[in-house]
Amino acid sequence: MFNDQLLAGRRILVTGGGTGLGKAMAERFLQLGAEVHICGRRKSVCDETATELMDLHGGRVVSHGVDIRNSMAVDEMIEAIWTTSGPLTDLINNAAGNFISRSEELSPRGFDAVANIVMHGTFYVTHAVGRRWIAAKQRGNVVSITVTWVRNGSPYVVPSAMSKSAIHAMTMSLAVEWGKHGIRLNTIAPGEIPTEGMSKRIKPGDEAGARTKAMNPMGRVGTMEELQNLAVFLISGGCDWITGETIAMDGAQALAMGGNFYQLRDWSDTDWNNARDSIKAQNEKDRAKRG
């Protein structure tokens, strides 16, 4: 679909680039000639991903360990990239957190676990990169991963619905404010693309997406390749007049079914207990990896 070396000369940061959707996008950028930087709290995971991708495709992938909830740590990482590698040309805001829960059972800590990564962290990275672009009179692209239900909300994932909606608002707002600087911001709102960690937190018992397939107008879930292709297009220069937009990629599921978690209204206490156990097990697995 894309010319070889389409992204040659580009330097792209992918937050949450060590696993899942972020890793897939980072890989495609690398294949097309970009220098790729990935970051995450688990630096060891990012290191492994960087080595794996370079062994497969050559090129350069640089790994950074950072907690994007910490604004000072974010600024230090961005400054280090500028100093040691050179200015970024593109930013992919992918790092996120989410889990299903009845809202009356949420704790402040649970809410903050999502909001601090998704809303605060995304702004911190975007601001640290954007103000450097403006100071240097450099054009740039920001692509953020959101969700289809920024347009209609969603029960049972209220922290994520609120935080992703904030990114949606940030994208529209900064597209207008920073347009004069040649900085574009857009978001991709993918439907379900199964990944191990996220699927276990928001689709426990249906990690392969069987329920989604049954409800989706196209009868399937999304693929990593489709996400990769859309992300590449948005930063490719193929249509630089697109800015401030949220592009849904979900087989029309949001149009047909709302694209959210309303169907969980029928869950019993047992269903919720089982989901909580599944989420807890995945969290413990992730903590063990960080250790």
Protein backbone atom coordinates (compact mmCIF):
# COMPACT_ATOMS: atom_id res chain seq x y z
CA MET A 1 0.00 0.00 0.00
CA PHE A 2 2.81 2.43 0.87
CA ASN A 3 6.06 3.16 -0.93
CA ASP A 4 9.20 1.79 0.69
CA GLN A 5 11.00 4.41 2.77
CA LEU A 6 7.86 6.58 2.85
CA LEU A 7 8.80 7.66 6.37
CA ALA A 8 12.56 7.96 5.85
CA GLY A 9 13.91 10.93 7.76
CA ARG A 10 11.06 10.87 10.26
CA ARG A 11 11.61 10.49 14.00
CA ILE A 12 8.47 9.17 15.70
CA LEU A 13 7.68 8.63 19.38
CA VAL A 14 5.08 6.00 20.25
CA THR A 15 3.95 6.04 23.88
CA GLY A 16 3.08 2.61 25.23
CA GLY A 17 5.10 1.29 22.28
CA GLY A 18 6.39 -1.87 23.94
CA THR A 19 3.26 -3.95 23.53
CA GLY A 20 -0.09 -4.24 21.76
CA LEU A 21 -1.31 -1.52 19.45
CA GLY A 22 1.70 0.70 20.11
CA LYS A 23 4.17 -2.04 19.20
CA ALA A 24 2.28 -2.76 15.98
CA MET A 25 2.35 0.88 14.89
CA ALA A 26 6.02 1.25 15.86
CA GLU A 27 6.87 -1.79 13.74
CA ARG A 28 5.14 -0.40 10.66
CA PHE A 29 6.83 3.00 11.00
CA LEU A 30 10.19 1.23 11.26
CA GLN A 31 9.47 -0.86 8.15
CA LEU A 32 8.80 2.35 6.23
CA GLY A 33 12.13 3.90 7.16
CA ALA A 34 11.42 5.97 10.27
CA GLU A 35 13.60 6.21 13.34
CA VAL A 36 11.26 5.06 16.09
CA HIS A 37 11.29 5.87 19.80
CA ILE A 38 9.08 3.88 22.16
CA CYS A 39 8.39 4.48 25.83
CA GLY A 40 6.63 2.78 28.69
CA ARG A 41 6.80 2.22 32.43
CA ARG A 42 8.31 -1.23 31.89
CA LYS A 43 11.61 -0.32 30.25
CA SER A 44 12.65 -3.96 30.08
CA VAL A 45 9.63 -4.68 27.89
CA CYS A 46 10.43 -1.72 25.65
CA ASP A 47 14.05 -2.86 25.43
CA GLU A 48 12.94 -6.33 24.32
CA THR A 49 10.59 -4.84 21.74
CA ALA A 50 13.29 -2.53 20.39
CA THR A 51 15.70 -5.44 19.98
CA GLU A 52 13.05 -7.65 18.41
CA LEU A 53 11.97 -5.03 15.86
CA MET A 54 15.53 -4.13 14.87
CA ASP A 55 16.44 -7.80 14.48
CA LEU A 56 13.43 -8.23 12.18
CA HIS A 57 13.64 -5.06 10.14
CA GLY A 58 16.92 -3.28 10.81
CA GLY A 59 16.76 0.45 11.33
CA ARG A 60 16.77 2.18 14.69
CA VAL A 61 14.40 1.78 17.62
CA VAL A 62 15.25 3.63 20.85
CA SER A 63 13.68 2.54 24.12
CA HIS A 64 12.78 4.86 26.99
CA GLY A 65 11.52 3.98 30.45
CA VAL A 66 9.14 6.66 31.69
CA ASP A 67 5.94 7.04 33.65
CA ILE A 68 3.98 9.56 31.59
CA ARG A 69 1.93 10.43 34.69
CA ASN A 70 5.02 12.35 35.85
CA SER A 71 5.24 15.62 33.90
CA MET A 72 8.87 16.26 34.87
CA ALA A 73 9.91 12.78 33.78
CA VAL A 74 8.11 13.29 30.47
CA ASP A 75 9.89 16.59 29.83
CA GLU A 76 13.24 15.03 30.68
CA MET A 77 12.61 12.20 28.20
CA ILE A 78 11.59 14.58 25.41
CA GLU A 79 14.60 16.81 26.08
CA ALA A 80 16.87 13.74 25.96
CA ILE A 81 15.42 12.73 22.59
CA TRP A 82 15.94 16.25 21.20
CA THR A 83 19.50 16.38 22.56
CA THR A 84 20.77 12.91 21.68
CA SER A 85 18.79 12.02 18.55
CA GLY A 86 17.24 15.21 17.23
CA PRO A 87 13.74 16.69 17.10
CA LEU A 88 10.75 14.42 16.78
CA THR A 89 8.67 14.81 13.64
CA ASP A 90 5.63 12.89 14.86
CA LEU A 91 4.00 11.77 18.11
CA ILE A 92 1.67 8.82 18.61
CA ASN A 93 -0.23 9.01 21.91
CA ASN A 94 -1.06 5.38 22.52
CA ALA A 95 -0.35 4.72 26.21
CA ALA A 96 -3.57 4.04 28.09
CA GLY A 97 -5.24 2.11 30.85
CA ASN A 98 -8.78 0.82 31.20
CA PHE A 99 -10.87 -1.78 32.98
CA ILE A 100 -14.56 -2.50 33.35
CA SER A 101 -16.29 -1.82 36.64
CA ARG A 102 -19.64 -0.82 38.00
CA SER A 103 -19.09 2.85 38.76
CA GLU A 104 -20.45 2.66 42.31
CA GLU A 105 -17.65 0.18 43.04
CA LEU A 106 -14.84 2.39 41.71
CA SER A 107 -12.27 3.68 44.17
CA PRO A 108 -10.54 7.06 43.76
CA ARG A 109 -7.33 5.10 43.20
CA GLY A 110 -8.96 3.10 40.41
CA PHE A 111 -10.25 6.26 38.76
CA ASP A 112 -6.86 7.95 39.00
CA ALA A 113 -5.08 4.89 37.59
CA VAL A 114 -6.87 5.52 34.29
CA ALA A 115 -7.23 9.32 34.30
CA ASN A 116 -3.61 10.02 35.20
CA ILE A 117 -2.29 7.96 32.30
CA VAL A 118 -4.88 8.71 29.65
CA MET A 119 -5.76 12.35 30.25
CA HIS A 120 -2.84 13.84 32.17
CA GLY A 121 -0.12 11.72 30.57
CA THR A 122 -1.33 12.36 27.03
CA PHE A 123 -1.39 16.10 27.63
CA TYR A 124 2.05 16.10 29.26
CA VAL A 125 3.65 14.37 26.26
CA THR A 126 1.75 16.43 23.68
CA HIS A 127 2.65 19.68 25.45
CA ALA A 128 6.33 18.78 25.85
CA VAL A 129 6.64 17.94 22.16
CA GLY A 130 4.38 20.69 20.82
CA ARG A 131 6.03 23.59 22.58
CA ARG A 132 9.42 22.48 21.22
CA TRP A 133 8.01 22.33 17.70
CA ILE A 134 6.59 25.83 18.09
CA ALA A 135 9.84 27.23 19.50
CA ALA A 136 11.81 25.75 16.59
CA LYS A 137 9.16 26.78 14.00
CA GLN A 138 8.87 23.12 13.05
CA ARG A 139 5.81 21.37 11.63
CA GLY A 140 4.57 18.23 13.35
CA ASN A 141 1.89 15.56 13.61
CA VAL A 142 0.13 14.16 16.65
CA VAL A 143 -2.06 11.08 16.38
CA SER A 144 -3.82 9.92 19.55
CA ILE A 145 -5.68 6.68 20.09
CA THR A 146 -9.16 7.26 21.51
CA VAL A 147 -12.43 5.28 21.41
CA THR A 148 -15.67 5.54 19.47
CA TRP A 149 -17.59 6.34 22.62
CA VAL A 150 -16.03 9.76 23.03
CA ARG A 151 -19.16 10.75 21.08
CA ASN A 152 -21.77 9.05 23.24
CA GLY A 153 -20.14 7.99 26.51
CA SER A 154 -20.10 4.49 27.93
CA PRO A 155 -21.28 2.89 31.15
CA TYR A 156 -18.93 0.66 33.14
CA VAL A 157 -15.77 2.41 31.85
CA VAL A 158 -16.49 5.92 33.11
CA PRO A 159 -12.85 6.87 33.93
CA SER A 160 -11.81 5.96 30.39
CA ALA A 161 -14.86 7.60 28.81
CA MET A 162 -14.09 10.84 30.62
CA SER A 163 -10.35 10.71 29.90
CA LYS A 164 -10.60 9.74 26.24
CA SER A 165 -13.18 12.49 25.77
CA ALA A 166 -10.60 14.90 27.16
CA ILE A 167 -8.13 13.78 24.47
CA HIS A 168 -10.88 14.25 21.87
CA ALA A 169 -11.38 17.82 23.14
CA MET A 170 -7.63 18.47 23.29
CA THR A 171 -7.25 17.33 19.69
CA MET A 172 -9.95 19.67 18.40
CA SER A 173 -8.74 22.57 20.53
CA LEU A 174 -5.05 22.34 19.66
CA ALA A 175 -5.78 21.68 15.99
CA VAL A 176 -7.25 25.18 15.93
CA GLU A 177 -4.69 26.82 18.20
CA TRP A 178 -1.59 25.21 16.70
CA GLY A 179 -2.71 25.05 13.07
CA LYS A 180 -0.86 28.30 12.31
CA HIS A 181 2.35 26.54 13.37
CA GLY A 182 1.84 23.69 10.90
CA ILE A 183 1.02 21.24 13.69
CA ARG A 184 -1.76 18.76 12.99
CA LEU A 185 -3.62 16.66 15.56
CA ASN A 186 -6.01 13.80 14.83
CA THR A 187 -7.27 10.75 16.65
CA ILE A 188 -8.04 7.19 15.67
CA ALA A 189 -10.99 5.57 17.45
CA PRO A 190 -10.58 1.85 16.80
CA GLY A 191 -13.18 -0.74 17.54
CA GLU A 192 -12.08 -3.97 19.14
CA ILE A 193 -8.63 -5.21 18.13
CA PRO A 194 -7.91 -8.07 20.55
CA THR A 195 -4.71 -7.77 22.62
CA GLU A 196 -3.82 -9.85 25.65
CA GLY A 197 -3.65 -7.23 28.38
CA MET A 198 -6.47 -4.91 27.37
CA SER A 199 -8.83 -7.67 26.26
CA LYS A 200 -8.56 -9.30 29.68
CA ARG A 201 -9.42 -6.00 31.38
CA ILE A 202 -12.36 -4.90 29.25
CA LYS A 203 -13.57 -8.15 27.64
CA PRO A 204 -12.93 -10.86 30.24
CA GLY A 205 -14.25 -14.16 28.99
CA ASP A 206 -14.39 -12.87 25.41
CA GLU A 207 -10.75 -12.13 24.66
CA ALA A 208 -11.09 -13.43 21.08
CA GLY A 209 -13.95 -11.02 20.41
CA ALA A 210 -16.74 -13.53 19.72
CA ARG A 211 -19.44 -11.26 21.15
CA THR A 212 -18.14 -8.32 19.14
CA LYS A 213 -18.17 -10.35 15.95
CA ALA A 214 -21.78 -11.33 16.59
CA MET A 215 -22.85 -7.69 16.98
CA ASN A 216 -20.64 -6.04 14.37
CA PRO A 217 -22.24 -5.11 11.03
CA MET A 218 -19.19 -6.54 9.24
CA GLY A 219 -19.12 -9.62 11.47
CA ARG A 220 -15.54 -9.29 12.67
CA VAL A 221 -13.05 -7.48 14.88
CA GLY A 222 -10.33 -5.18 13.60
CA THR A 223 -6.78 -6.09 12.67
CA MET A 224 -3.43 -4.61 13.60
CA GLU A 225 -2.65 -4.10 9.91
CA GLU A 226 -5.68 -1.84 9.51
CA LEU A 227 -4.60 0.29 12.45
CA GLN A 228 -1.04 0.44 11.15
CA ASN A 229 -2.22 1.60 7.72
CA LEU A 230 -4.47 4.33 9.09
CA ALA A 231 -1.77 5.64 11.44
CA VAL A 232 0.75 5.75 8.59
CA PHE A 233 -1.69 7.59 6.32
CA LEU A 234 -2.41 10.27 8.92
CA ILE A 235 1.28 11.18 9.25
CA SER A 236 2.32 10.41 5.66
CA GLY A 237 1.65 13.82 4.12
CA GLY A 238 -0.98 12.31 1.86
CA CYS A 239 -3.61 14.78 3.07
CA ASP A 240 -2.22 17.38 5.43
CA TRP A 241 -5.49 19.31 5.51
CA ILE A 242 -6.98 16.70 7.84
CA THR A 243 -6.70 18.02 11.37
CA GLY A 244 -8.84 18.06 14.49
CA GLU A 245 -10.63 14.88 13.41
CA THR A 246 -11.53 11.65 15.17
CA ILE A 247 -11.65 8.80 12.66
CA ALA A 248 -13.59 5.71 13.72
CA MET A 249 -12.34 2.34 12.51
CA ASP A 250 -14.87 -0.17 13.80
CA GLY A 251 -16.89 -1.69 10.98
CA ALA A 252 -19.80 0.67 11.82
CA GLN A 253 -20.32 -0.91 15.23
CA ALA A 254 -20.72 2.41 17.01
CA LEU A 255 -23.38 3.41 14.50
CA ALA A 256 -25.24 0.14 14.95
CA MET A 257 -24.79 -0.63 18.63
CA GLY A 258 -23.33 2.48 20.26
CA GLY A 259 -19.89 0.87 20.37
CA ASN A 260 -19.82 0.90 24.16
CA PHE A 261 -20.46 -1.36 27.15
CA TYR A 262 -24.21 -0.94 27.58
CA GLN A 263 -24.67 -4.70 27.05
CA LEU A 264 -23.08 -5.34 30.46
CA ARG A 265 -26.27 -4.11 32.13
CA ASP A 266 -27.42 -7.76 32.11
CA TRP A 267 -24.43 -9.05 34.06
CA SER A 268 -25.05 -10.72 37.41
CA ASP A 269 -23.01 -10.25 40.57
CA THR A 270 -21.25 -13.50 39.69
CA ASP A 271 -20.30 -12.15 36.27
CA TRP A 272 -18.84 -9.02 37.84
CA ASN A 273 -16.95 -11.03 40.45
CA ASN A 274 -15.45 -13.23 37.74
CA ALA A 275 -14.46 -10.17 35.73
CA ARG A 276 -12.84 -8.59 38.80
CA ASP A 277 -10.81 -11.76 39.39
CA SER A 278 -9.66 -11.81 35.77
CA ILE A 279 -8.61 -8.17 35.88
CA LYS A 280 -6.79 -8.67 39.17
CA ALA A 281 -4.88 -11.65 37.73
CA GLN A 282 -3.80 -9.63 34.69
CA ASN A 283 -2.69 -6.71 36.89
CA GLU A 284 -0.58 -9.06 39.02
CA LYS A 285 0.96 -10.54 35.88
CA ASP A 286 1.90 -7.06 34.66
CA ARG A 287 3.34 -6.09 38.03
CA ALA A 288 5.50 -9.22 38.00
CA LYS A 289 6.89 -8.19 34.60
CA ARG A 290 7.71 -4.72 35.88
CA GLY A 291 9.52 -6.28 38.81
